[in-house]
Amino acid sequence: MVELLAVILTLFSGLAFVYLLKYVTKSKQDFPQKLPPGSMGWPFLGETHGFLKSHRSNSLGSFLQEHCSRYGKVFKSHLFGSPAIVSCDFEFNMYVLQNERKLLPVDYPKVMHNILGKFSLILVKGDLHRKLRSTVISFVSATKYETQFHRCVEMLVLSRINSWDTNSKQVAFYKEAKRFTINVMMKHLLDINPYDTVASKILENFENYIKGFISLPINIPGTAYFKALQARIRLTAIIKGIIVERRKCNHVRPAQGGDLLNVILSKDNLSTEEMVSLVLDLLFGGYETTAKLLSLIVYFLGGASNALQRLKEEHQEIRKRKKEGEPLNWDDYKQMEFTQNVINEAMRCGNVVKFLHRKAVEDVKFKDYVIPAGWKVLPVLSSGHLDPTLFENPLEFDPFRWDDNSTSKQVAPFGGGPRFCPGADLAKLETAFFLHHLVLNYRWKIKGDDPPLALPYVEFTGGLLLDLEPTG
């Protein structure tokens, strides 16, 4: 048995060596002196493990730092089972984002396709992407000005904050932020209140659904991938059930008002499967992204007393201009200028989205290099945010740097081009309303060392525990 194992290992090593030798030789023959420098890593495995190694989200991590230092800001590698070009060059990243439709379409790993489904806005291309995206944009554009939406968000903010037990003086803020954002999205998209029975069913399945995005595609009971697939089936059934009830009751209002489901039910060009995917995509985007953004702001403000004081003063001025108990509105939001600075800086430093998946459909020239057709292209958005040639002291959380608006074109936290996040404005408004009540009612200290980690999605592994103290 031992001898047989030794023979198998020897054969495997020999085949791996031949594969690597042929691959490198072919690359040099086909693209002499044109491919960016780099390392392809181990045969078959490549460098995926090193690329995904956890690190603080307000840093590039050791893998990118070492590779950029050795090979430059654009280098070749072998990632996610494919030869790849990794870009930490801000100029090339913007080029990639702007040329998504023609040269560099999305190319996410198979695991995400299986979990998200074939109609996911994140994955679809061409005319289908334009159709689904236009539905979302029209809904978001109308919603952000609606008084009903503003009041709903503020009501849910106050409900969450008022639920905190001030006697214990400790809150797991990351969990609280996720509760707030999922409640907003369920109400906003499906008209579901936080205490409805169906709300708890959605919450039960959503965490497993999300965790599957970065899992190995092993479809056996107990694995994260299996749990995610099962969660998606259950979530789909819940949403389809709500659609059936709406249609049965003729509970469909015009597209100008109501929740997202009413809007998409009024569209004749959407199938039921497309409707379900739209709802799941927006639940995911609004839930995860906004919760992480809120948590990043609280984390960074915990070490930036000057910024926190400026933020508090801005919201005190807004409160002074309003009558007792008067709700926040769009005009109040537009007055939250420094709040926008804080949001922008937290997205720059925290890097909710570290990198994107693209694929070259034809040879793409960049400076002295050629990116071969068929290769993956991974623009690392965090690299531009942390580039000392673009930002002074880039690792420092400094919302004041946004006062002159000179940095607005040098960050891309919500992506760019035709795939710019359609819900960005809603995420910012929800965050600003939450911060209004948080900074006016509490002061806090972060308990222990719990920095945001890129895993690769941003996480607070300790839950971001806060010691809270009411200000009133």
Protein backbone atom coordinates (compact mmCIF):
# COMPACT_ATOMS: atom_id res chain seq x y z
CA MET A 1 0.00 0.00 0.00
CA VAL A 2 2.81 2.42 0.92
CA GLU A 3 4.70 1.58 -2.27
CA LEU A 4 1.54 2.10 -4.35
CA LEU A 5 0.95 5.48 -2.69
CA ALA A 6 4.55 6.49 -3.42
CA VAL A 7 4.12 5.57 -7.10
CA ILE A 8 0.86 7.58 -7.33
CA LEU A 9 2.50 10.62 -5.73
CA THR A 10 5.48 10.34 -8.05
CA LEU A 11 3.23 10.15 -11.11
CA PHE A 12 1.14 13.10 -9.90
CA SER A 13 4.28 15.19 -9.33
CA GLY A 14 5.58 14.28 -12.76
CA LEU A 15 2.31 15.19 -14.47
CA ALA A 16 2.16 18.46 -12.55
CA PHE A 17 5.70 19.34 -13.65
CA VAL A 18 4.90 18.53 -17.31
CA TYR A 19 1.69 20.63 -17.11
CA LEU A 20 3.53 23.60 -15.67
CA LEU A 21 6.39 23.31 -18.19
CA LYS A 22 4.00 23.10 -21.17
CA TYR A 23 1.83 25.94 -19.83
CA VAL A 24 4.74 28.31 -19.29
CA THR A 25 6.34 27.37 -22.62
CA LYS A 26 3.04 27.93 -24.49
CA SER A 27 2.55 31.32 -22.82
CA LYS A 28 6.01 32.45 -23.85
CA GLN A 29 5.52 31.26 -27.42
CA ASP A 30 2.09 32.80 -27.91
CA PHE A 31 2.75 36.10 -26.15
CA PRO A 32 6.50 36.81 -26.30
CA GLN A 33 7.51 39.75 -24.08
CA LYS A 34 3.89 40.93 -23.86
CA LEU A 35 2.36 39.27 -20.82
CA PRO A 36 2.77 41.18 -17.57
CA PRO A 37 5.35 39.59 -15.27
CA GLY A 38 4.19 37.38 -12.43
CA SER A 39 4.04 33.88 -11.03
CA MET A 40 1.55 31.15 -11.89
CA GLY A 41 2.00 29.46 -8.51
CA TRP A 42 1.42 25.76 -7.99
CA PRO A 43 0.23 23.59 -10.88
CA PHE A 44 -3.58 23.24 -10.88
CA LEU A 45 -3.89 25.13 -7.57
CA GLY A 46 -2.30 28.39 -8.68
CA GLU A 47 -2.15 31.20 -6.11
CA THR A 48 -5.80 31.39 -5.07
CA HIS A 49 -5.13 30.52 -1.44
CA GLY A 50 -2.61 33.33 -1.04
CA PHE A 51 -4.81 35.80 -2.91
CA LEU A 52 -7.75 35.11 -0.57
CA LYS A 53 -5.73 35.05 2.64
CA SER A 54 -7.45 37.19 5.26
CA HIS A 55 -6.05 40.60 6.18
CA ARG A 56 -7.28 43.94 7.48
CA SER A 57 -9.65 45.43 4.93
CA ASN A 58 -7.93 48.83 5.19
CA SER A 59 -4.74 47.28 3.80
CA LEU A 60 -3.79 45.43 0.62
CA GLY A 61 -2.64 42.32 2.45
CA SER A 62 0.71 40.55 2.16
CA PHE A 63 -0.07 38.78 -1.15
CA LEU A 64 -0.77 41.95 -3.13
CA GLN A 65 1.95 43.95 -1.40
CA GLU A 66 4.58 41.33 -2.22
CA HIS A 67 3.43 40.79 -5.80
CA CYS A 68 3.16 44.51 -6.59
CA SER A 69 6.60 45.08 -5.10
CA ARG A 70 8.09 42.26 -7.15
CA TYR A 71 6.19 42.50 -10.45
CA GLY A 72 4.48 45.90 -10.57
CA LYS A 73 0.85 46.97 -10.26
CA VAL A 74 -0.31 44.70 -13.08
CA PHE A 75 0.84 41.07 -12.91
CA LYS A 76 -0.12 37.61 -14.08
CA SER A 77 -1.18 34.76 -11.82
CA HIS A 78 -3.34 31.64 -11.77
CA LEU A 79 -6.51 32.22 -9.74
CA PHE A 80 -9.90 30.54 -9.36
CA GLY A 81 -8.84 27.78 -11.74
CA SER A 82 -7.81 30.07 -14.60
CA PRO A 83 -4.82 32.09 -15.79
CA ALA A 84 -5.44 35.62 -14.62
CA ILE A 85 -4.25 39.20 -14.76
CA VAL A 86 -4.46 41.04 -11.44
CA SER A 87 -4.58 44.83 -11.61
CA CYS A 88 -3.70 47.21 -8.77
CA ASP A 89 -3.37 50.01 -11.32
CA PHE A 90 -6.13 52.63 -10.87
CA GLU A 91 -6.04 53.71 -14.53
CA PHE A 92 -6.41 50.15 -15.85
CA ASN A 93 -9.11 49.34 -13.30
CA MET A 94 -11.20 52.26 -14.55
CA TYR A 95 -10.63 51.05 -18.12
CA VAL A 96 -11.87 47.58 -17.13
CA LEU A 97 -15.02 48.97 -15.50
CA GLN A 98 -15.86 51.19 -18.47
CA ASN A 99 -15.39 48.38 -21.02
CA GLU A 100 -17.42 45.68 -19.34
CA ARG A 101 -19.91 45.20 -22.15
CA LYS A 102 -17.52 44.86 -25.10
CA LEU A 103 -14.13 43.65 -23.95
CA LEU A 104 -14.26 42.56 -20.31
CA PRO A 105 -17.62 41.04 -19.24
CA VAL A 106 -18.32 39.60 -15.79
CA ASP A 107 -16.91 36.15 -15.11
CA TYR A 108 -17.72 35.03 -11.57
CA PRO A 109 -16.81 31.55 -10.31
CA LYS A 110 -19.24 28.70 -10.94
CA VAL A 111 -20.13 28.48 -7.24
CA MET A 112 -21.78 31.92 -7.44
CA HIS A 113 -23.69 31.02 -10.61
CA ASN A 114 -25.14 27.94 -8.94
CA ILE A 115 -26.24 29.84 -5.83
CA LEU A 116 -27.38 33.12 -7.36
CA GLY A 117 -29.14 31.54 -10.36
CA LYS A 118 -29.02 32.31 -14.07
CA PHE A 119 -31.11 35.50 -13.82
CA SER A 120 -29.05 37.24 -11.16
CA LEU A 121 -28.35 40.89 -11.99
CA ILE A 122 -24.77 40.31 -10.79
CA LEU A 123 -24.17 37.64 -13.45
CA VAL A 124 -26.35 38.36 -16.49
CA LYS A 125 -25.02 40.22 -19.51
CA GLY A 126 -26.17 42.17 -22.55
CA ASP A 127 -29.85 42.97 -23.14
CA LEU A 128 -31.03 40.95 -20.14
CA HIS A 129 -28.75 42.91 -17.83
CA ARG A 130 -30.00 46.20 -19.27
CA LYS A 131 -33.64 45.13 -18.84
CA LEU A 132 -33.28 44.03 -15.21
CA ARG A 133 -31.06 46.96 -14.27
CA SER A 134 -33.46 49.52 -15.75
CA THR A 135 -36.25 48.13 -13.55
CA VAL A 136 -34.13 48.56 -10.43
CA ILE A 137 -32.93 52.04 -11.39
CA SER A 138 -36.44 53.33 -12.04
CA PHE A 139 -37.58 52.03 -8.65
CA VAL A 140 -34.56 53.41 -6.76
CA SER A 141 -34.75 56.79 -8.50
CA ALA A 142 -38.37 57.27 -7.44
CA THR A 143 -37.94 55.83 -3.95
CA LYS A 144 -35.10 57.98 -2.65
CA TYR A 145 -37.29 61.11 -2.78
CA GLU A 146 -40.37 59.51 -1.21
CA THR A 147 -41.44 60.76 2.21
CA GLN A 148 -42.91 57.34 2.96
CA PHE A 149 -39.52 55.69 2.46
CA HIS A 150 -37.73 58.27 4.63
CA ARG A 151 -40.19 57.73 7.47
CA CYS A 152 -39.96 53.97 7.14
CA VAL A 153 -36.16 54.05 7.41
CA GLU A 154 -36.21 56.39 10.42
CA MET A 155 -38.87 54.29 12.16
CA LEU A 156 -36.73 51.18 11.77
CA VAL A 157 -33.63 53.07 12.99
CA LEU A 158 -35.43 54.13 16.16
CA SER A 159 -36.90 50.66 16.65
CA ARG A 160 -33.44 49.12 16.53
CA ILE A 161 -31.76 51.72 18.76
CA ASN A 162 -34.60 51.73 21.31
CA SER A 163 -34.32 47.94 21.61
CA TRP A 164 -30.82 48.20 23.08
CA ASP A 165 -30.58 47.40 26.76
CA THR A 166 -28.75 50.40 28.19
CA ASN A 167 -28.31 48.56 31.48
CA SER A 168 -25.95 46.04 29.89
CA LYS A 169 -24.07 48.87 28.15
CA GLN A 170 -22.84 46.48 25.46
CA VAL A 171 -24.04 45.92 21.92
CA ALA A 172 -22.81 43.58 19.18
CA PHE A 173 -23.08 46.34 16.60
CA TYR A 174 -22.37 44.33 13.43
CA LYS A 175 -25.32 42.07 14.23
CA GLU A 176 -27.50 45.09 15.01
CA ALA A 177 -26.56 46.76 11.73
CA LYS A 178 -27.51 43.62 9.82
CA ARG A 179 -30.85 43.41 11.62
CA PHE A 180 -31.58 47.01 10.72
CA THR A 181 -30.68 46.68 7.05
CA ILE A 182 -32.54 43.40 6.47
CA ASN A 183 -35.62 44.92 8.12
CA VAL A 184 -35.40 47.95 5.81
CA MET A 185 -35.00 45.78 2.73
CA MET A 186 -37.85 43.40 3.63
CA LYS A 187 -40.21 46.31 4.23
CA HIS A 188 -39.00 48.24 1.20
CA LEU A 189 -38.99 45.34 -1.24
CA LEU A 190 -41.79 43.09 -0.01
CA ASP A 191 -43.80 45.17 2.49
CA ILE A 192 -42.88 42.73 5.26
CA ASN A 193 -42.69 44.06 8.82
CA PRO A 194 -39.86 42.89 11.14
CA TYR A 195 -42.22 40.92 13.39
CA ASP A 196 -44.13 39.13 10.63
CA THR A 197 -43.74 35.34 10.64
CA VAL A 198 -42.32 35.33 7.12
CA ALA A 199 -39.61 37.80 8.20
CA SER A 200 -38.08 35.28 10.59
CA LYS A 201 -38.14 32.61 7.84
CA ILE A 202 -36.22 34.91 5.50
CA LEU A 203 -33.68 35.75 8.21
CA GLU A 204 -33.16 32.06 9.04
CA ASN A 205 -32.12 31.31 5.48
CA PHE A 206 -30.32 34.46 4.43
CA GLU A 207 -27.09 33.99 6.40
CA ASN A 208 -26.58 30.51 4.96
CA TYR A 209 -27.38 31.84 1.49
CA ILE A 210 -24.65 34.49 1.72
CA LYS A 211 -21.98 32.27 3.30
CA GLY A 212 -22.10 29.98 0.29
CA PHE A 213 -20.67 32.63 -2.04
CA ILE A 214 -17.12 31.96 -0.86
CA SER A 215 -17.44 28.22 -0.26
CA LEU A 216 -16.00 25.27 -2.11
CA PRO A 217 -18.59 23.77 -4.50
CA ILE A 218 -18.99 20.53 -2.51
CA ASN A 219 -22.67 19.61 -2.62
CA ILE A 220 -23.00 17.25 0.33
CA PRO A 221 -25.04 17.81 3.51
CA GLY A 222 -23.27 19.91 6.12
CA THR A 223 -21.12 21.99 3.75
CA ALA A 224 -21.58 25.73 3.37
CA TYR A 225 -22.27 25.23 -0.34
CA PHE A 226 -25.02 22.68 0.29
CA LYS A 227 -26.62 24.91 2.94
CA ALA A 228 -26.54 27.89 0.56
CA LEU A 229 -28.25 25.94 -2.25
CA GLN A 230 -30.94 24.74 0.13
CA ALA A 231 -31.40 28.25 1.53
CA ARG A 232 -31.83 29.62 -1.97
CA ILE A 233 -34.52 27.04 -2.73
CA ARG A 234 -36.41 28.01 0.42
CA LEU A 235 -36.04 31.76 -0.20
CA THR A 236 -37.26 31.30 -3.77
CA ALA A 237 -40.30 29.42 -2.52
CA ILE A 238 -41.10 32.19 -0.01
CA ILE A 239 -40.86 34.95 -2.60
CA LYS A 240 -42.86 32.98 -5.18
CA GLY A 241 -45.53 32.44 -2.53
CA ILE A 242 -45.74 36.19 -1.90
CA ILE A 243 -46.00 36.79 -5.67
CA VAL A 244 -48.88 34.30 -5.94
CA GLU A 245 -50.74 36.00 -3.08
CA ARG A 246 -50.26 39.46 -4.59
CA ARG A 247 -51.60 38.30 -7.94
CA LYS A 248 -54.49 36.46 -6.33
CA CYS A 249 -55.57 39.53 -4.39
CA ASN A 250 -54.93 41.88 -7.32
CA HIS A 251 -52.77 43.76 -4.84
CA VAL A 252 -50.68 45.50 -7.48
CA ARG A 253 -50.39 49.27 -7.42
CA PRO A 254 -48.97 51.42 -10.25
CA ALA A 255 -45.20 51.40 -10.79
CA GLN A 256 -44.93 54.91 -9.38
CA GLY A 257 -45.49 53.78 -5.80
CA GLY A 258 -45.45 50.84 -3.40
CA ASP A 259 -42.75 48.28 -2.70
CA LEU A 260 -40.43 46.77 -5.30
CA LEU A 261 -42.59 43.70 -5.75
CA ASN A 262 -45.56 45.81 -6.79
CA VAL A 263 -43.36 47.64 -9.26
CA ILE A 264 -41.99 44.51 -10.91
CA LEU A 265 -45.42 42.85 -10.95
CA SER A 266 -46.61 45.78 -13.04
CA LYS A 267 -43.97 44.94 -15.67
CA ASP A 268 -45.14 42.70 -18.50
CA ASN A 269 -41.61 41.87 -19.66
CA LEU A 270 -40.41 40.04 -16.51
CA SER A 271 -40.80 36.33 -15.83
CA THR A 272 -41.45 35.01 -12.32
CA GLU A 273 -37.87 33.70 -12.13
CA GLU A 274 -36.51 37.13 -13.09
CA MET A 275 -38.69 38.76 -10.43
CA VAL A 276 -37.41 36.37 -7.76
CA SER A 277 -33.80 37.02 -8.76
CA LEU A 278 -34.28 40.78 -8.61
CA VAL A 279 -35.73 40.57 -5.10
CA LEU A 280 -32.94 38.28 -3.87
CA ASP A 281 -30.23 40.45 -5.46
CA LEU A 282 -31.56 43.60 -3.79
CA LEU A 283 -32.06 41.86 -0.46
CA PHE A 284 -28.44 40.73 -0.62
CA GLY A 285 -27.04 44.07 -1.77
CA GLY A 286 -29.05 46.18 0.65
CA TYR A 287 -28.50 43.82 3.55
CA GLU A 288 -24.79 43.09 3.31
CA THR A 289 -23.34 46.27 1.84
CA THR A 290 -25.18 48.76 4.04
CA ALA A 291 -24.62 46.75 7.22
CA LYS A 292 -20.89 46.54 6.53
CA LEU A 293 -20.73 50.25 5.69
CA LEU A 294 -22.45 51.22 8.94
CA SER A 295 -20.14 48.97 10.95
CA LEU A 296 -17.04 50.34 9.24
CA ILE A 297 -18.10 53.91 10.05
CA VAL A 298 -18.65 53.08 13.72
CA TYR A 299 -15.29 51.29 13.84
CA PHE A 300 -13.30 54.11 12.23
CA LEU A 301 -15.06 56.87 14.17
CA GLY A 302 -14.07 55.06 17.35
CA GLY A 303 -10.50 56.19 16.67
CA ALA A 304 -11.22 59.58 15.11
CA SER A 305 -12.52 61.91 17.82
CA ASN A 306 -12.24 65.07 15.70
CA ALA A 307 -14.32 63.57 12.90
CA LEU A 308 -16.89 62.25 15.37
CA GLN A 309 -17.24 65.68 16.99
CA ARG A 310 -17.71 67.37 13.59
CA LEU A 311 -20.30 64.77 12.64
CA LYS A 312 -22.18 65.25 15.89
CA GLU A 313 -22.22 69.04 15.44
CA GLU A 314 -23.69 68.68 11.95
CA HIS A 315 -26.55 66.56 13.24
CA GLN A 316 -27.15 68.83 16.22
CA GLU A 317 -27.67 71.70 13.76
CA ILE A 318 -30.19 69.62 11.83
CA ARG A 319 -32.06 68.78 15.02
CA LYS A 320 -32.19 72.45 16.07
CA ARG A 321 -33.93 73.38 12.82
CA LYS A 322 -36.69 70.82 13.32
CA LYS A 323 -39.74 70.76 15.55
CA GLU A 324 -39.93 68.26 18.41
CA GLY A 325 -40.62 64.80 16.95
CA GLU A 326 -40.55 66.00 13.33
CA PRO A 327 -39.22 63.20 11.07
CA LEU A 328 -36.19 63.48 8.84
CA ASN A 329 -36.73 64.25 5.17
CA TRP A 330 -34.85 64.67 1.89
CA ASP A 331 -33.89 68.28 2.64
CA ASP A 332 -32.33 67.16 5.94
CA TYR A 333 -30.38 64.49 4.10
CA LYS A 334 -29.00 67.02 1.63
CA GLN A 335 -27.74 69.06 4.58
CA MET A 336 -25.65 66.14 5.85
CA GLU A 337 -22.53 67.17 3.94
CA PHE A 338 -19.89 66.03 6.42
CA THR A 339 -21.88 62.82 6.88
CA GLN A 340 -21.27 62.17 3.18
CA ASN A 341 -17.55 62.73 3.78
CA VAL A 342 -17.63 60.13 6.56
CA ILE A 343 -19.47 57.65 4.34
CA ASN A 344 -17.06 58.16 1.44
CA GLU A 345 -14.00 57.84 3.64
CA ALA A 346 -15.29 54.69 5.34
CA MET A 347 -15.89 53.10 1.94
CA ARG A 348 -12.40 54.13 0.81
CA CYS A 349 -10.68 52.78 3.91
CA GLY A 350 -12.92 49.78 4.58
CA ASN A 351 -13.22 48.39 1.04
CA VAL A 352 -16.49 46.49 1.21
CA VAL A 353 -15.77 45.22 -2.31
CA LYS A 354 -12.09 44.35 -2.67
CA PHE A 355 -12.01 43.04 -6.26
CA LEU A 356 -14.21 42.11 -9.20
CA HIS A 357 -14.26 39.19 -11.64
CA ARG A 358 -13.93 39.93 -15.35
CA LYS A 359 -12.75 38.01 -18.44
CA ALA A 360 -11.09 39.23 -21.62
CA VAL A 361 -13.12 38.15 -24.69
CA GLU A 362 -10.34 39.31 -27.01
CA ASP A 363 -6.71 40.42 -26.62
CA VAL A 364 -6.62 43.65 -24.65
CA LYS A 365 -3.65 46.00 -24.89
CA PHE A 366 -2.58 48.05 -21.88
CA LYS A 367 0.62 50.08 -22.08
CA ASP A 368 3.34 47.58 -23.03
CA TYR A 369 1.28 44.52 -22.14
CA VAL A 370 -1.31 42.30 -23.79
CA ILE A 371 -4.00 40.56 -21.75
CA PRO A 372 -4.79 37.41 -23.75
CA ALA A 373 -8.34 36.52 -24.74
CA GLY A 374 -9.84 33.97 -22.35
CA TRP A 375 -7.86 35.10 -19.31
CA LYS A 376 -9.54 36.28 -16.13
CA VAL A 377 -9.00 39.93 -15.20
CA LEU A 378 -9.28 40.89 -11.53
CA PRO A 379 -9.34 44.66 -10.92
CA VAL A 380 -8.49 45.23 -7.25
CA LEU A 381 -10.58 48.27 -6.28
CA SER A 382 -8.97 48.59 -2.84
CA SER A 383 -5.57 49.21 -4.44
CA GLY A 384 -6.62 52.62 -5.77
CA HIS A 385 -8.20 53.55 -2.44
CA LEU A 386 -4.93 52.84 -0.61
CA ASP A 387 -2.54 54.25 -3.20
CA PRO A 388 -0.20 56.92 -1.71
CA THR A 389 0.12 58.57 -5.13
CA LEU A 390 -3.65 59.24 -5.08
CA PHE A 391 -4.20 59.91 -1.37
CA GLU A 392 -2.00 61.50 1.26
CA ASN A 393 -1.57 59.12 4.21
CA PRO A 394 -3.96 56.59 2.61
CA LEU A 395 -4.13 54.27 5.62
CA GLU A 396 -5.45 57.10 7.81
CA PHE A 397 -9.21 57.54 8.24
CA ASP A 398 -9.63 61.23 7.46
CA PRO A 399 -13.12 62.40 6.35
CA PHE A 400 -11.81 65.98 6.18
CA ARG A 401 -9.90 65.08 3.01
CA TRP A 402 -13.25 65.12 1.18
CA ASP A 403 -14.04 68.77 2.02
CA ASP A 404 -12.82 70.04 -1.36
CA ASN A 405 -14.32 67.12 -3.37
CA SER A 406 -10.96 66.58 -5.08
CA THR A 407 -10.95 62.85 -4.36
CA SER A 408 -14.40 61.97 -5.67
CA LYS A 409 -13.17 60.57 -8.99
CA GLN A 410 -10.42 58.48 -7.44
CA VAL A 411 -12.53 55.92 -5.63
CA ALA A 412 -14.87 53.21 -6.86
CA PRO A 413 -16.50 51.58 -3.81
CA PHE A 414 -19.72 50.90 -5.73
CA GLY A 415 -17.99 49.72 -8.90
CA GLY A 416 -18.33 51.69 -12.11
CA GLY A 417 -19.47 51.76 -15.69
CA PRO A 418 -22.65 49.87 -16.63
CA ARG A 419 -22.47 47.84 -13.40
CA PHE A 420 -22.31 50.77 -10.97
CA CYS A 421 -24.38 49.72 -7.94
CA PRO A 422 -27.95 50.97 -8.60
CA GLY A 423 -28.77 51.04 -4.88
CA ALA A 424 -25.85 53.25 -3.82
CA ASP A 425 -28.02 56.29 -3.06
CA LEU A 426 -30.42 54.30 -0.89
CA ALA A 427 -27.53 52.76 1.05
CA LYS A 428 -26.10 56.21 1.77
CA LEU A 429 -29.46 57.60 2.89
CA GLU A 430 -30.13 54.67 5.25
CA THR A 431 -26.63 55.05 6.70
CA ALA A 432 -27.00 58.81 7.19
CA PHE A 433 -30.36 58.47 8.99
CA PHE A 434 -28.93 55.79 11.29
CA LEU A 435 -25.89 57.93 12.10
CA HIS A 436 -28.14 60.90 12.90
CA HIS A 437 -29.79 59.09 15.79
CA LEU A 438 -26.70 57.16 16.86
CA VAL A 439 -24.35 60.14 17.33
CA LEU A 440 -27.04 62.26 18.99
CA ASN A 441 -27.99 59.59 21.51
CA TYR A 442 -24.82 57.59 22.25
CA ARG A 443 -21.09 57.67 22.70
CA TRP A 444 -19.18 54.41 22.37
CA LYS A 445 -15.90 52.56 22.77
CA ILE A 446 -14.90 49.47 20.85
CA LYS A 447 -14.42 46.50 23.14
CA GLY A 448 -11.23 44.61 22.37
CA ASP A 449 -9.37 44.44 19.06
CA ASP A 450 -11.85 43.70 16.28
CA PRO A 451 -10.69 45.30 13.01
CA PRO A 452 -12.56 44.75 9.74
CA LEU A 453 -11.07 41.77 7.93
CA ALA A 454 -11.20 40.96 4.21
CA LEU A 455 -12.24 37.28 4.09
CA PRO A 456 -12.49 38.32 1.17
CA TYR A 457 -15.81 39.99 2.03
CA VAL A 458 -15.47 42.37 4.96
CA GLU A 459 -16.29 40.78 8.31
CA PHE A 460 -16.00 41.68 11.98
CA THR A 461 -15.16 38.30 13.44
CA GLY A 462 -15.85 39.45 16.99
CA GLY A 463 -19.16 41.08 16.10
CA LEU A 464 -17.84 44.63 16.74
CA LEU A 465 -18.78 44.78 20.44
CA LEU A 466 -19.39 48.32 21.68
CA ASP A 467 -19.50 49.72 25.18
CA LEU A 468 -22.36 52.21 24.89
CA GLU A 469 -23.20 55.21 27.02
CA PRO A 470 -26.32 57.34 26.44
CA THR A 471 -25.52 61.03 25.92
CA GLY A 472 -28.78 62.30 27.40
